[in-house]
Amino acid sequence: MTAYVVLVLLVVAERFAELSVARRNGAWSRARGGLEHGAGHYPVMVALHTALLAGCLVEPWVADRPFQPLLGWPALALVLAAQGLRWWCIATLGRRWHTRVLIVPGLPLVASGPYRLLRHPNYLAVVVEGAALPLVHSAWVTAVGFSVLNAALLSVRIRCEDDALASARALPAAGAAR
């Protein structure tokens, strides 16, 4: 269980690194006329992701869930792959990556990196990690619960993001002559 706790704490540290990047990128976007969309669902997303990490620690301990190698090792591989995909998304979007739906009007859609293959690759990383991280230590209730709630949240989030991107493409770029 100790190695699993370390893994979850590393994911927590990674989340704080993401928030630091998002904060810096958010300031950059807002300075260029970036507009936030869907702020109402953001606290729900934070609560759900916090609950995922807490569930990963609590369920195996309280329910005495064992590490099952046939499940745990493949799940760990998926967690690592999800992290790689997430940071590929962050690197590809650069200053345009946020944890919020924050769009700078007039900027073209990014169509390189993983975005040339999928419309929302970062959300694929979230889905995979949300299912796999708890399963590294057999926390199947957490995996299922997060996955169901996350599917509902992502249906709202993706619709919000798509609408925001569509409306931003219709506006002139910040600072453009009118």
Protein backbone atom coordinates (compact mmCIF):
# COMPACT_ATOMS: atom_id res chain seq x y z
CA MET A 1 0.00 0.00 0.00
CA THR A 2 2.91 2.39 0.65
CA ALA A 3 3.96 2.45 -3.01
CA TYR A 4 0.36 3.17 -4.00
CA VAL A 5 0.11 6.05 -1.53
CA VAL A 6 3.30 7.46 -3.03
CA LEU A 7 1.80 7.11 -6.52
CA VAL A 8 -1.37 8.97 -5.51
CA LEU A 9 0.69 11.68 -3.80
CA LEU A 10 2.74 12.05 -6.99
CA VAL A 11 -0.52 12.55 -8.90
CA VAL A 12 -1.53 15.17 -6.30
CA ALA A 13 1.81 16.93 -6.86
CA GLU A 14 1.21 16.75 -10.61
CA ARG A 15 -2.20 18.41 -10.10
CA PHE A 16 -0.53 21.29 -8.26
CA ALA A 17 1.95 21.63 -11.13
CA GLU A 18 -1.01 21.75 -13.55
CA LEU A 19 -2.68 24.44 -11.47
CA SER A 20 0.50 26.51 -11.54
CA VAL A 21 0.69 26.22 -15.33
CA ALA A 22 -3.03 26.98 -15.63
CA ARG A 23 -2.74 30.07 -13.41
CA ARG A 24 0.14 31.46 -15.47
CA ASN A 25 -1.63 30.65 -18.73
CA GLY A 26 -4.87 32.13 -17.45
CA ALA A 27 -3.17 35.46 -16.76
CA TRP A 28 -1.69 35.40 -20.27
CA SER A 29 -5.09 34.67 -21.82
CA ARG A 30 -6.96 37.27 -19.79
CA ALA A 31 -4.36 39.90 -20.74
CA ARG A 32 -5.23 39.14 -24.37
CA GLY A 33 -8.98 39.42 -23.92
CA GLY A 34 -9.61 35.82 -22.89
CA LEU A 35 -13.12 35.11 -21.69
CA GLU A 36 -14.09 32.38 -19.24
CA HIS A 37 -17.05 30.15 -20.07
CA GLY A 38 -18.79 27.63 -17.84
CA ALA A 39 -17.36 28.90 -14.57
CA GLY A 40 -20.32 27.35 -12.77
CA HIS A 41 -19.21 23.77 -13.41
CA TYR A 42 -15.57 24.39 -12.41
CA PRO A 43 -16.12 23.92 -8.64
CA VAL A 44 -17.93 20.65 -9.38
CA MET A 45 -14.93 19.50 -11.43
CA VAL A 46 -12.51 20.42 -8.62
CA ALA A 47 -14.65 18.58 -6.07
CA LEU A 48 -14.94 15.49 -8.27
CA HIS A 49 -11.20 15.29 -8.93
CA THR A 50 -10.45 15.85 -5.24
CA ALA A 51 -12.89 13.05 -4.37
CA LEU A 52 -11.15 10.77 -6.87
CA LEU A 53 -7.79 11.26 -5.18
CA ALA A 54 -9.29 10.87 -1.70
CA GLY A 55 -11.17 7.75 -2.78
CA CYS A 56 -7.96 6.28 -4.17
CA LEU A 57 -6.45 6.52 -0.69
CA VAL A 58 -9.47 5.74 1.46
CA GLU A 59 -11.14 2.82 -0.34
CA PRO A 60 -8.17 0.41 -0.41
CA TRP A 61 -7.50 1.11 3.26
CA VAL A 62 -11.08 0.99 4.58
CA ALA A 63 -12.22 -1.91 2.38
CA ASP A 64 -8.89 -3.73 2.76
CA ARG A 65 -8.44 -3.93 -1.00
CA PRO A 66 -5.34 -5.87 -2.01
CA PHE A 67 -2.96 -5.08 -4.81
CA GLN A 68 -3.83 -7.54 -7.57
CA PRO A 69 -0.95 -7.70 -10.06
CA LEU A 70 -3.09 -8.77 -13.04
CA LEU A 71 -5.18 -5.62 -12.56
CA GLY A 72 -2.72 -3.28 -10.86
CA TRP A 73 0.19 -3.37 -13.30
CA PRO A 74 -1.90 -2.74 -16.46
CA ALA A 75 -3.79 0.00 -14.58
CA LEU A 76 -0.47 1.60 -13.64
CA ALA A 77 0.61 1.50 -17.28
CA LEU A 78 -2.64 3.27 -18.22
CA VAL A 79 -2.09 5.91 -15.51
CA LEU A 80 1.39 6.62 -16.88
CA ALA A 81 0.09 6.75 -20.46
CA ALA A 82 -2.64 9.18 -19.37
CA GLN A 83 -0.02 11.42 -17.76
CA GLY A 84 2.01 11.36 -20.96
CA LEU A 85 -1.04 12.28 -23.02
CA ARG A 86 -2.02 15.07 -20.61
CA TRP A 87 1.44 16.68 -20.75
CA TRP A 88 1.52 16.27 -24.53
CA CYS A 89 -1.73 18.27 -24.60
CA ILE A 90 -0.28 20.91 -22.27
CA ALA A 91 2.87 21.21 -24.37
CA THR A 92 0.90 21.38 -27.62
CA LEU A 93 -1.51 24.07 -26.41
CA GLY A 94 1.24 26.02 -24.68
CA ARG A 95 -0.14 29.21 -23.13
CA ARG A 96 -3.63 28.29 -24.31
CA TRP A 97 -3.93 25.31 -21.95
CA HIS A 98 -6.06 25.89 -18.82
CA THR A 99 -8.04 23.97 -16.27
CA ARG A 100 -10.88 26.40 -16.97
CA VAL A 101 -12.66 27.06 -20.27
CA LEU A 102 -10.81 30.30 -21.02
CA ILE A 103 -10.79 31.31 -24.68
CA VAL A 104 -8.90 34.15 -26.37
CA PRO A 105 -11.15 35.44 -29.18
CA GLY A 106 -9.83 35.14 -32.71
CA LEU A 107 -7.14 32.53 -32.10
CA PRO A 108 -7.36 29.55 -34.47
CA LEU A 109 -8.00 26.05 -33.18
CA VAL A 110 -4.88 24.05 -32.44
CA ALA A 111 -4.66 21.17 -34.91
CA SER A 112 -1.23 19.76 -34.08
CA GLY A 113 0.06 17.23 -31.58
CA PRO A 114 -2.70 15.03 -30.16
CA TYR A 115 -5.29 17.52 -31.45
CA ARG A 116 -4.66 16.34 -34.99
CA LEU A 117 -5.93 12.92 -33.87
CA LEU A 118 -8.68 13.78 -31.35
CA ARG A 119 -10.83 16.83 -30.68
CA HIS A 120 -10.46 16.60 -26.87
CA PRO A 121 -7.42 14.43 -26.06
CA ASN A 122 -6.96 15.91 -22.59
CA TYR A 123 -10.38 14.57 -21.61
CA LEU A 124 -9.36 11.12 -22.83
CA ALA A 125 -6.42 11.37 -20.41
CA VAL A 126 -8.83 12.34 -17.61
CA VAL A 127 -11.17 9.42 -18.37
CA VAL A 128 -8.35 6.87 -18.52
CA GLU A 129 -6.64 8.15 -15.38
CA GLY A 130 -9.93 8.38 -13.46
CA ALA A 131 -10.66 4.74 -14.12
CA ALA A 132 -7.13 3.38 -13.92
CA LEU A 133 -5.64 5.16 -10.89
CA PRO A 134 -8.08 3.62 -8.39
CA LEU A 135 -7.74 0.21 -10.04
CA VAL A 136 -3.99 0.16 -9.42
CA HIS A 137 -4.98 -0.88 -5.89
CA SER A 138 -8.38 -2.48 -6.60
CA ALA A 139 -10.47 0.56 -5.61
CA TRP A 140 -13.23 -0.38 -8.01
CA VAL A 141 -15.99 1.60 -6.24
CA THR A 142 -13.95 4.77 -6.66
CA ALA A 143 -13.18 3.91 -10.28
CA VAL A 144 -16.83 3.29 -11.16
CA GLY A 145 -18.18 6.20 -9.13
CA PHE A 146 -15.71 8.69 -10.58
CA SER A 147 -16.22 7.39 -14.11
CA VAL A 148 -20.02 7.74 -13.96
CA LEU A 149 -19.94 11.22 -12.42
CA ASN A 150 -17.12 12.31 -14.72
CA ALA A 151 -19.08 11.20 -17.80
CA ALA A 152 -21.93 13.50 -16.72
CA LEU A 153 -19.52 16.36 -16.02
CA LEU A 154 -17.68 15.91 -19.31
CA SER A 155 -20.93 16.03 -21.25
CA VAL A 156 -21.43 19.54 -19.83
CA ARG A 157 -17.76 20.53 -20.06
CA ILE A 158 -17.22 19.45 -23.68
CA ARG A 159 -20.43 21.12 -24.83
CA CYS A 160 -19.37 24.31 -23.00
CA GLU A 161 -15.90 24.21 -24.53
CA ASP A 162 -17.17 23.51 -28.04
CA ASP A 163 -19.68 26.38 -27.80
CA ALA A 164 -17.01 28.73 -26.43
CA LEU A 165 -14.55 27.83 -29.20
CA ALA A 166 -17.22 28.28 -31.87
CA SER A 167 -18.25 31.70 -30.55
CA ALA A 168 -14.62 32.82 -30.18
CA ARG A 169 -13.87 32.02 -33.82
CA ALA A 170 -16.69 34.37 -34.81
CA LEU A 171 -15.15 37.29 -32.88
CA PRO A 172 -12.19 39.41 -34.01
CA ALA A 173 -8.86 38.79 -32.30
CA ALA A 174 -8.16 40.91 -29.22
CA GLY A 175 -6.67 44.22 -30.30
CA ALA A 176 -7.62 43.73 -33.96
CA ALA A 177 -8.74 46.74 -35.97
CA ARG A 178 -12.51 46.92 -36.38
